[in-house]
Structure formats: structure tokens, C-alpha cells
Amino acid sequence: MDMSLGFRISGRIGKPVAEVFD
């Protein structure tokens, strides 16, 4: 998945979603 997308969702949920996508 795109890192940008992860960071975007992470901002909404407030969790390190980017790490999950990584």
C-alpha cells in the first residue's frame, strides 16, 4: 500500500497505521 495512504489514515485514527502498511 502507499505510505501516503497509511499516514493519511493514521492521522484520522491517531495510530501508527503507516507501520502496519509497512
N, C-alpha and C. Protein backbone atom coordinates (compact mmCIF):
# COMPACT_ATOMS: atom_id res chain seq x y z
N MET A 1 0.85 -1.21 0.00
CA MET A 1 0.00 0.00 0.00
C MET A 1 0.88 1.25 0.00
N ASP A 2 0.29 2.35 -0.40
CA ASP A 2 1.05 3.61 -0.42
C ASP A 2 1.29 4.12 0.99
N MET A 3 2.51 4.55 1.25
CA MET A 3 2.81 5.09 2.58
C MET A 3 1.94 6.31 2.86
N SER A 4 1.73 7.12 1.82
CA SER A 4 0.91 8.34 1.99
C SER A 4 -0.46 7.96 2.53
N LEU A 5 -1.04 6.91 1.98
CA LEU A 5 -2.36 6.48 2.42
C LEU A 5 -2.31 6.08 3.89
N GLY A 6 -1.29 5.33 4.25
CA GLY A 6 -1.15 4.90 5.65
C GLY A 6 -1.06 6.08 6.58
N PHE A 7 -0.22 7.06 6.20
CA PHE A 7 -0.08 8.24 7.05
C PHE A 7 -1.40 9.00 7.13
N ARG A 8 -2.13 9.04 6.03
CA ARG A 8 -3.40 9.76 6.00
C ARG A 8 -4.39 9.11 6.97
N ILE A 9 -4.52 7.80 6.88
CA ILE A 9 -5.44 7.09 7.77
C ILE A 9 -4.96 7.21 9.21
N SER A 10 -3.62 7.13 9.37
CA SER A 10 -3.05 7.22 10.72
C SER A 10 -3.45 8.53 11.37
N GLY A 11 -3.52 9.59 10.59
CA GLY A 11 -3.90 10.90 11.12
C GLY A 11 -5.35 10.88 11.60
N ARG A 12 -6.19 10.10 10.91
CA ARG A 12 -7.61 10.06 11.29
C ARG A 12 -7.81 9.16 12.51
N ILE A 13 -7.21 7.98 12.48
CA ILE A 13 -7.37 7.05 13.61
C ILE A 13 -6.49 7.47 14.78
N GLY A 14 -5.41 8.17 14.45
CA GLY A 14 -4.50 8.60 15.52
C GLY A 14 -3.57 7.47 15.93
N LYS A 15 -3.33 6.53 15.01
CA LYS A 15 -2.45 5.40 15.33
C LYS A 15 -1.42 5.24 14.21
N PRO A 16 -0.30 4.60 14.51
CA PRO A 16 0.76 4.38 13.51
C PRO A 16 0.34 3.36 12.45
N VAL A 17 -0.65 3.72 11.66
CA VAL A 17 -1.13 2.80 10.62
C VAL A 17 -0.05 2.59 9.57
N ALA A 18 0.79 3.61 9.39
CA ALA A 18 1.86 3.52 8.39
C ALA A 18 2.72 2.29 8.67
N GLU A 19 2.94 2.01 9.95
CA GLU A 19 3.76 0.85 10.31
C GLU A 19 3.07 -0.44 9.88
N VAL A 20 1.77 -0.47 10.03
CA VAL A 20 1.01 -1.66 9.65
C VAL A 20 1.10 -1.88 8.15
N PHE A 21 1.04 -0.79 7.39
CA PHE A 21 1.12 -0.89 5.93
C PHE A 21 2.52 -1.30 5.51
N ASP A 22 3.50 -0.92 6.33
CA ASP A 22 4.89 -1.24 6.02
C ASP A 22 5.09 -2.73 6.27
